[in-house]
Amino acid sequence: MQASTQQVIEKKLADTLTPEFLQVENESSQHAGHAHGGLDSHFKVTIVCADFTTLSRVARHKRVYKILSEELAGSVHALVIKAFSVEEWSSQQGQQIS
């Protein structure tokens, strides 16, 4: 059985970056009927990684884009990336709780 695009994205990011937290959401159904709307066309990635501590937001995004270059050249039309260092994630989670 062939892995879904979501599973491929999850595996590539998990294997390459070993994140503390990873969530991949398939938002394709929200874009049905639009140009480039398909079953596996729109994704949102939230990723928390210790390696992101010294990287700018742009550098983090570039790293994710490079890892997923095959998928972005294929069926994935849109990718929302929320990339955090462990410290940023902890701080954000603390703000959301209070």
N, C-alpha and C. Protein backbone atom coordinates (compact mmCIF):
# COMPACT_ATOMS: atom_id res chain seq x y z
N MET A 1 0.83 -1.18 0.00
CA MET A 1 0.00 0.00 0.00
C MET A 1 0.88 1.24 0.00
N GLN A 2 0.58 2.17 -0.87
CA GLN A 2 1.37 3.38 -1.02
C GLN A 2 1.02 4.38 0.08
N ALA A 3 2.03 5.04 0.62
CA ALA A 3 1.82 6.03 1.67
C ALA A 3 1.16 7.27 1.09
N SER A 4 0.31 7.92 1.89
CA SER A 4 -0.31 9.17 1.46
C SER A 4 0.74 10.29 1.47
N THR A 5 0.44 11.36 0.79
CA THR A 5 1.34 12.50 0.77
C THR A 5 1.58 13.01 2.19
N GLN A 6 0.55 13.02 3.01
CA GLN A 6 0.69 13.46 4.39
C GLN A 6 1.68 12.56 5.13
N GLN A 7 1.58 11.26 4.95
CA GLN A 7 2.49 10.33 5.61
C GLN A 7 3.93 10.53 5.13
N VAL A 8 4.10 10.80 3.84
CA VAL A 8 5.43 11.04 3.28
C VAL A 8 6.03 12.30 3.90
N ILE A 9 5.23 13.36 3.98
CA ILE A 9 5.69 14.61 4.59
C ILE A 9 6.10 14.37 6.03
N GLU A 10 5.26 13.69 6.79
CA GLU A 10 5.55 13.41 8.19
C GLU A 10 6.85 12.62 8.34
N LYS A 11 7.01 11.58 7.53
CA LYS A 11 8.21 10.72 7.62
C LYS A 11 9.47 11.49 7.26
N LYS A 12 9.43 12.24 6.17
CA LYS A 12 10.63 12.98 5.74
C LYS A 12 11.05 14.00 6.79
N LEU A 13 10.10 14.74 7.33
CA LEU A 13 10.44 15.74 8.33
C LEU A 13 10.92 15.10 9.63
N ALA A 14 10.23 14.03 10.05
CA ALA A 14 10.62 13.35 11.28
C ALA A 14 12.01 12.72 11.16
N ASP A 15 12.28 12.08 10.04
CA ASP A 15 13.56 11.41 9.84
C ASP A 15 14.72 12.39 9.69
N THR A 16 14.47 13.52 9.06
CA THR A 16 15.54 14.48 8.78
C THR A 16 15.80 15.43 9.94
N LEU A 17 14.74 15.89 10.59
CA LEU A 17 14.90 16.92 11.62
C LEU A 17 14.74 16.42 13.05
N THR A 18 14.25 15.23 13.25
CA THR A 18 13.93 14.69 14.58
C THR A 18 13.30 15.75 15.49
N PRO A 19 12.11 16.21 15.11
CA PRO A 19 11.47 17.28 15.86
C PRO A 19 10.96 16.85 17.23
N GLU A 20 10.83 17.82 18.11
CA GLU A 20 10.23 17.61 19.43
C GLU A 20 8.71 17.47 19.28
N PHE A 21 8.16 18.15 18.28
CA PHE A 21 6.73 18.11 17.99
C PHE A 21 6.56 18.28 16.49
N LEU A 22 5.66 17.51 15.91
CA LEU A 22 5.37 17.61 14.48
C LEU A 22 3.89 17.32 14.27
N GLN A 23 3.24 18.25 13.57
CA GLN A 23 1.84 18.05 13.20
C GLN A 23 1.70 18.44 11.73
N VAL A 24 1.18 17.53 10.94
CA VAL A 24 0.95 17.79 9.53
C VAL A 24 -0.55 17.65 9.30
N GLU A 25 -1.15 18.71 8.81
CA GLU A 25 -2.60 18.71 8.56
C GLU A 25 -2.86 18.84 7.06
N ASN A 26 -3.71 17.97 6.55
CA ASN A 26 -4.11 18.03 5.15
C ASN A 26 -5.32 18.95 5.07
N GLU A 27 -5.13 20.13 4.48
CA GLU A 27 -6.19 21.12 4.36
C GLU A 27 -6.78 21.16 2.95
N SER A 28 -6.52 20.13 2.18
CA SER A 28 -6.94 20.10 0.78
C SER A 28 -8.45 20.21 0.62
N SER A 29 -9.20 19.63 1.52
CA SER A 29 -10.67 19.67 1.39
C SER A 29 -11.21 21.10 1.46
N GLN A 30 -10.48 21.99 2.10
CA GLN A 30 -10.89 23.39 2.19
C GLN A 30 -10.71 24.13 0.86
N HIS A 31 -10.00 23.51 -0.07
CA HIS A 31 -9.69 24.14 -1.35
C HIS A 31 -10.30 23.40 -2.53
N ALA A 32 -11.22 22.50 -2.25
CA ALA A 32 -11.90 21.76 -3.32
C ALA A 32 -12.62 22.73 -4.25
N GLY A 33 -12.47 22.50 -5.52
CA GLY A 33 -13.12 23.35 -6.51
C GLY A 33 -12.27 24.54 -6.94
N HIS A 34 -11.20 24.83 -6.21
CA HIS A 34 -10.29 25.92 -6.59
C HIS A 34 -9.27 25.40 -7.58
N ALA A 35 -8.66 26.33 -8.29
CA ALA A 35 -7.54 25.93 -9.13
C ALA A 35 -6.49 25.32 -8.22
N HIS A 36 -5.88 24.27 -8.59
CA HIS A 36 -4.86 23.55 -7.83
C HIS A 36 -5.43 22.83 -6.62
N GLY A 37 -6.73 22.78 -6.48
CA GLY A 37 -7.33 22.05 -5.36
C GLY A 37 -7.38 20.57 -5.71
N GLY A 38 -6.86 19.76 -4.85
CA GLY A 38 -6.85 18.33 -5.08
C GLY A 38 -6.89 17.60 -3.76
N LEU A 39 -6.80 16.28 -3.82
CA LEU A 39 -6.86 15.49 -2.60
C LEU A 39 -5.65 15.71 -1.69
N ASP A 40 -4.50 15.87 -2.25
CA ASP A 40 -3.27 16.07 -1.49
C ASP A 40 -2.53 17.29 -2.01
N SER A 41 -3.16 18.45 -1.93
CA SER A 41 -2.58 19.65 -2.54
C SER A 41 -2.22 20.74 -1.55
N HIS A 42 -2.86 20.78 -0.38
CA HIS A 42 -2.67 21.87 0.58
C HIS A 42 -2.40 21.28 1.97
N PHE A 43 -1.27 21.67 2.56
CA PHE A 43 -0.90 21.15 3.88
C PHE A 43 -0.44 22.27 4.79
N LYS A 44 -0.61 22.03 6.09
CA LYS A 44 -0.08 22.93 7.11
C LYS A 44 0.81 22.09 8.02
N VAL A 45 2.04 22.57 8.23
CA VAL A 45 3.01 21.88 9.06
C VAL A 45 3.34 22.77 10.26
N THR A 46 3.21 22.19 11.44
CA THR A 46 3.71 22.83 12.66
C THR A 46 4.83 21.94 13.16
N ILE A 47 6.01 22.53 13.31
CA ILE A 47 7.18 21.74 13.67
C ILE A 47 8.01 22.48 14.71
N VAL A 48 8.44 21.74 15.72
CA VAL A 48 9.28 22.27 16.78
C VAL A 48 10.57 21.47 16.78
N CYS A 49 11.70 22.18 16.64
CA CYS A 49 12.97 21.48 16.47
C CYS A 49 14.09 22.25 17.17
N ALA A 50 14.90 21.54 17.90
CA ALA A 50 16.05 22.17 18.58
C ALA A 50 17.00 22.81 17.57
N ASP A 51 17.11 22.25 16.39
CA ASP A 51 18.00 22.79 15.35
C ASP A 51 17.56 24.18 14.87
N PHE A 52 16.34 24.57 15.15
CA PHE A 52 15.83 25.86 14.69
C PHE A 52 16.26 27.02 15.58
N THR A 53 16.88 26.74 16.71
CA THR A 53 17.25 27.78 17.67
C THR A 53 18.08 28.89 17.04
N THR A 54 19.04 28.52 16.22
CA THR A 54 19.95 29.51 15.63
C THR A 54 19.54 29.96 14.24
N LEU A 55 18.43 29.46 13.73
CA LEU A 55 18.01 29.80 12.37
C LEU A 55 16.92 30.86 12.36
N SER A 56 16.97 31.74 11.38
CA SER A 56 15.89 32.71 11.19
C SER A 56 14.65 31.99 10.69
N ARG A 57 13.53 32.67 10.71
CA ARG A 57 12.29 32.07 10.21
C ARG A 57 12.44 31.68 8.74
N VAL A 58 13.06 32.54 7.96
CA VAL A 58 13.26 32.25 6.54
C VAL A 58 14.14 31.02 6.35
N ALA A 59 15.21 30.91 7.13
CA ALA A 59 16.11 29.76 7.02
C ALA A 59 15.39 28.47 7.42
N ARG A 60 14.52 28.54 8.41
CA ARG A 60 13.74 27.36 8.83
C ARG A 60 12.84 26.91 7.70
N HIS A 61 12.16 27.86 7.08
CA HIS A 61 11.25 27.54 5.97
C HIS A 61 12.02 26.94 4.80
N LYS A 62 13.17 27.53 4.49
CA LYS A 62 13.99 27.01 3.39
C LYS A 62 14.40 25.56 3.66
N ARG A 63 14.72 25.27 4.91
CA ARG A 63 15.12 23.90 5.26
C ARG A 63 13.97 22.92 5.03
N VAL A 64 12.77 23.30 5.46
CA VAL A 64 11.60 22.45 5.25
C VAL A 64 11.30 22.31 3.75
N TYR A 65 11.36 23.41 3.01
CA TYR A 65 11.12 23.35 1.57
C TYR A 65 12.11 22.41 0.88
N LYS A 66 13.37 22.46 1.30
CA LYS A 66 14.38 21.59 0.68
C LYS A 66 14.08 20.12 0.95
N ILE A 67 13.69 19.81 2.18
CA ILE A 67 13.37 18.43 2.54
C ILE A 67 12.17 17.93 1.73
N LEU A 68 11.22 18.80 1.47
CA LEU A 68 9.98 18.42 0.78
C LEU A 68 9.97 18.85 -0.69
N SER A 69 11.13 19.04 -1.27
CA SER A 69 11.21 19.55 -2.64
C SER A 69 10.50 18.66 -3.66
N GLU A 70 10.57 17.35 -3.50
CA GLU A 70 9.89 16.45 -4.44
C GLU A 70 8.37 16.63 -4.38
N GLU A 71 7.84 16.72 -3.18
CA GLU A 71 6.40 16.87 -3.01
C GLU A 71 5.93 18.23 -3.53
N LEU A 72 6.73 19.27 -3.29
CA LEU A 72 6.37 20.61 -3.77
C LEU A 72 6.46 20.72 -5.28
N ALA A 73 7.29 19.90 -5.89
CA ALA A 73 7.39 19.87 -7.35
C ALA A 73 6.28 19.02 -7.95
N GLY A 74 5.60 18.25 -7.10
CA GLY A 74 4.54 17.36 -7.57
C GLY A 74 3.17 17.86 -7.19
N SER A 75 2.46 17.09 -6.39
CA SER A 75 1.04 17.37 -6.12
C SER A 75 0.80 18.45 -5.08
N VAL A 76 1.79 18.78 -4.26
CA VAL A 76 1.57 19.78 -3.20
C VAL A 76 1.66 21.18 -3.80
N HIS A 77 0.54 21.87 -3.73
CA HIS A 77 0.46 23.22 -4.28
C HIS A 77 0.76 24.28 -3.23
N ALA A 78 0.33 24.05 -1.99
CA ALA A 78 0.51 25.03 -0.93
C ALA A 78 0.97 24.35 0.35
N LEU A 79 1.90 25.02 1.04
CA LEU A 79 2.42 24.50 2.29
C LEU A 79 2.57 25.65 3.27
N VAL A 80 1.78 25.62 4.33
CA VAL A 80 1.90 26.59 5.41
C VAL A 80 2.85 25.99 6.43
N ILE A 81 3.87 26.76 6.81
CA ILE A 81 4.86 26.25 7.76
C ILE A 81 4.88 27.14 8.99
N LYS A 82 4.73 26.51 10.14
CA LYS A 82 4.91 27.18 11.42
C LYS A 82 6.05 26.44 12.11
N ALA A 83 7.24 27.05 12.08
CA ALA A 83 8.46 26.40 12.57
C ALA A 83 8.97 27.15 13.81
N PHE A 84 9.14 26.40 14.89
CA PHE A 84 9.53 26.99 16.16
C PHE A 84 10.76 26.29 16.74
N SER A 85 11.56 27.05 17.47
CA SER A 85 12.58 26.43 18.32
C SER A 85 11.85 25.88 19.54
N VAL A 86 12.50 25.04 20.30
CA VAL A 86 11.89 24.48 21.50
C VAL A 86 11.52 25.59 22.48
N GLU A 87 12.40 26.58 22.63
CA GLU A 87 12.15 27.69 23.54
C GLU A 87 10.94 28.51 23.11
N GLU A 88 10.86 28.81 21.81
CA GLU A 88 9.72 29.58 21.30
C GLU A 88 8.41 28.82 21.52
N TRP A 89 8.43 27.53 21.27
CA TRP A 89 7.23 26.71 21.43
C TRP A 89 6.79 26.69 22.89
N SER A 90 7.73 26.50 23.80
CA SER A 90 7.41 26.48 25.23
C SER A 90 6.82 27.81 25.66
N SER A 91 7.40 28.89 25.19
CA SER A 91 6.92 30.22 25.53
C SER A 91 5.51 30.45 24.99
N GLN A 92 5.28 30.04 23.75
CA GLN A 92 3.96 30.21 23.13
C GLN A 92 2.91 29.38 23.84
N GLN A 93 3.26 28.16 24.19
CA GLN A 93 2.31 27.29 24.88
C GLN A 93 1.96 27.86 26.25
N GLY A 94 2.94 28.46 26.93
CA GLY A 94 2.69 29.08 28.21
C GLY A 94 1.74 30.26 28.10
N GLN A 95 1.88 31.03 27.02
CA GLN A 95 0.99 32.18 26.80
C GLN A 95 -0.43 31.73 26.50
N GLN A 96 -0.56 30.61 25.78
CA GLN A 96 -1.89 30.15 25.42
C GLN A 96 -2.63 29.59 26.64
N ILE A 97 -1.90 29.04 27.59
CA ILE A 97 -2.52 28.43 28.76
C ILE A 97 -3.05 29.50 29.71
N SER A 98 -2.30 30.58 29.89
CA SER A 98 -2.72 31.60 30.86
C SER A 98 -3.79 32.51 30.36
